[in-house]
Amino acid sequence: PDNYQRLAAGLLTQIRQHLPEDGVNVIIEGLATDMATEAHITAETMPERLDQVIAYLNDNGYNATWEPNDDGYVLYTHNCPYHQLAHKTDTLCNMDMRLISSMLGVVPRMTSRVADGDATCAYQIPAAITESSAES
């Protein structure tokens, strides 16, 4: 057995008690940026980027998939590695959004959340920006 969930919950509580909200955000955004850098996403097209993002997320317990749709692409995470904490605070969902945005190079729109009782977290990546954003 491990105690990671309790440790993470305690750390988040202490950080929130001792730092202003913008300080908490700086820490969470920094963690997401470090994780995105670690992922080392190098693909140029959005489908290739999505494949690399999915591989990284799956290596980290998200059970992620993606599919094209009429509006672009949808990235799904079928498992929340932080499920015991995510329903108590938006902090980890915000971290995931920052992580996914950093890896994709675009800011998707979250359309569902496991923390809200949905079956998956879903992120809509609009078609109008997908290929041009990947090229920059």
Protein backbone atom coordinates (compact mmCIF):
# COMPACT_ATOMS: atom_id res chain seq x y z
CA PRO A 1 0.00 0.00 0.00
CA ASP A 2 1.01 3.58 -0.56
CA ASN A 3 0.05 6.86 1.00
CA TYR A 4 0.43 9.16 -2.01
CA GLN A 5 -3.18 10.37 -2.04
CA ARG A 6 -2.98 11.40 1.62
CA LEU A 7 0.39 13.07 1.09
CA ALA A 8 -0.83 14.97 -1.98
CA ALA A 9 -4.03 16.04 -0.21
CA GLY A 10 -2.03 17.26 2.77
CA LEU A 11 0.42 19.16 0.60
CA LEU A 12 -2.39 20.86 -1.33
CA THR A 13 -4.10 21.82 1.93
CA GLN A 14 -0.90 23.26 3.39
CA ILE A 15 -0.05 25.15 0.19
CA ARG A 16 -3.55 26.65 0.10
CA GLN A 17 -3.35 27.64 3.79
CA HIS A 18 0.04 29.33 3.50
CA LEU A 19 -0.03 30.94 0.07
CA PRO A 20 -2.37 33.37 -1.66
CA GLU A 21 -4.38 31.90 -4.55
CA ASP A 22 -2.03 33.35 -7.18
CA GLY A 23 0.89 31.66 -5.41
CA VAL A 24 -0.94 28.32 -5.51
CA ASN A 25 -1.59 28.85 -9.22
CA VAL A 26 2.09 29.58 -9.88
CA ILE A 27 3.08 26.29 -8.23
CA ILE A 28 0.43 24.25 -10.09
CA GLU A 29 1.22 25.90 -13.43
CA GLY A 30 4.93 25.28 -12.84
CA LEU A 31 4.26 21.61 -12.16
CA ALA A 32 2.17 21.31 -15.33
CA THR A 33 4.87 23.06 -17.35
CA ASP A 34 7.54 20.71 -15.96
CA MET A 35 5.39 17.69 -16.84
CA ALA A 36 4.78 19.01 -20.37
CA THR A 37 8.52 19.53 -20.84
CA GLU A 38 9.14 15.99 -19.60
CA ALA A 39 6.65 14.70 -22.19
CA HIS A 40 8.88 16.09 -24.97
CA ILE A 41 6.13 16.44 -27.59
CA THR A 42 7.85 17.01 -30.94
CA ALA A 43 5.25 16.15 -33.60
CA GLU A 44 4.14 18.86 -36.00
CA THR A 45 0.64 17.79 -37.06
CA MET A 46 -2.17 17.71 -34.53
CA PRO A 47 -2.94 13.98 -35.02
CA GLU A 48 0.74 13.16 -34.41
CA ARG A 49 0.82 15.50 -31.40
CA LEU A 50 -2.31 13.85 -30.03
CA ASP A 51 -0.68 10.41 -30.40
CA GLN A 52 2.34 11.62 -28.38
CA VAL A 53 0.15 13.31 -25.77
CA ILE A 54 -1.95 10.16 -25.38
CA ALA A 55 1.20 8.04 -24.93
CA TYR A 56 2.45 10.39 -22.19
CA LEU A 57 -0.92 10.54 -20.44
CA ASN A 58 -1.30 6.76 -20.56
CA ASP A 59 2.17 6.29 -19.10
CA ASN A 60 0.90 8.41 -16.21
CA GLY A 61 -2.36 6.59 -15.51
CA TYR A 62 -4.95 8.59 -17.46
CA ASN A 63 -6.20 5.86 -19.85
CA ALA A 64 -6.50 8.48 -22.60
CA THR A 65 -7.77 8.30 -26.18
CA TRP A 66 -8.59 10.77 -28.94
CA GLU A 67 -10.82 10.91 -31.98
CA PRO A 68 -11.61 13.36 -34.75
CA ASN A 69 -15.04 14.98 -34.81
CA ASP A 70 -16.83 17.61 -36.89
CA ASP A 71 -15.33 20.42 -34.79
CA GLY A 72 -11.73 19.14 -34.80
CA TYR A 73 -10.62 16.55 -32.26
CA VAL A 74 -11.66 15.32 -28.83
CA LEU A 75 -9.14 14.08 -26.28
CA TYR A 76 -10.63 11.83 -23.58
CA THR A 77 -9.16 10.79 -20.25
CA HIS A 78 -11.08 7.77 -18.99
CA ASN A 79 -9.29 7.63 -15.64
CA CYS A 80 -8.38 10.39 -13.24
CA PRO A 81 -5.14 9.58 -11.41
CA TYR A 82 -6.21 12.13 -8.81
CA HIS A 83 -9.84 11.01 -8.46
CA GLN A 84 -9.75 10.99 -4.65
CA LEU A 85 -8.65 14.64 -4.63
CA ALA A 86 -10.22 16.10 -7.76
CA HIS A 87 -13.76 16.16 -6.39
CA LYS A 88 -12.58 18.36 -3.48
CA THR A 89 -10.84 21.08 -5.49
CA ASP A 90 -10.48 22.33 -9.07
CA THR A 91 -6.73 22.68 -8.61
CA LEU A 92 -5.82 19.33 -10.17
CA CYS A 93 -8.31 19.68 -13.01
CA ASN A 94 -6.75 23.08 -13.74
CA MET A 95 -3.32 21.45 -13.68
CA ASP A 96 -4.47 18.84 -16.20
CA MET A 97 -5.87 21.57 -18.47
CA ARG A 98 -2.56 23.45 -18.32
CA LEU A 99 -0.64 20.21 -18.97
CA ILE A 100 -2.76 19.24 -21.98
CA SER A 101 -2.71 22.79 -23.35
CA SER A 102 1.08 22.94 -23.06
CA MET A 103 1.56 19.57 -24.75
CA LEU A 104 -0.87 20.33 -27.59
CA GLY A 105 0.20 23.93 -28.14
CA VAL A 106 -3.46 25.06 -28.05
CA VAL A 107 -6.00 25.61 -25.29
CA PRO A 108 -8.84 23.10 -25.66
CA ARG A 109 -12.34 23.51 -24.22
CA MET A 110 -13.20 21.06 -21.44
CA THR A 111 -16.62 19.54 -22.15
CA SER A 112 -16.87 16.97 -19.34
CA ARG A 113 -15.12 16.10 -16.08
CA VAL A 114 -14.84 12.90 -14.08
CA ALA A 115 -14.82 15.10 -10.95
CA ASP A 116 -18.36 16.22 -11.87
CA GLY A 117 -19.57 12.63 -12.22
CA ASP A 118 -19.05 12.32 -15.98
CA ALA A 119 -17.65 9.07 -17.42
CA THR A 120 -14.60 10.88 -18.86
CA CYS A 121 -12.84 14.19 -18.95
CA ALA A 122 -13.19 15.44 -22.51
CA TYR A 123 -11.26 18.24 -24.20
CA GLN A 124 -12.48 19.70 -27.51
CA ILE A 125 -9.69 20.91 -29.80
CA PRO A 126 -11.22 23.19 -32.48
CA ALA A 127 -10.50 22.39 -36.14
CA ALA A 128 -9.92 26.05 -37.03
CA ILE A 129 -6.77 26.24 -34.91
CA THR A 130 -5.45 22.70 -34.85
CA GLU A 131 -3.14 22.59 -37.85
CA SER A 132 -2.07 26.23 -37.86
CA SER A 133 -1.22 26.09 -34.13
CA ALA A 134 0.81 22.91 -34.52
CA GLU A 135 2.91 24.60 -37.21
CA SER A 136 3.91 27.54 -35.00
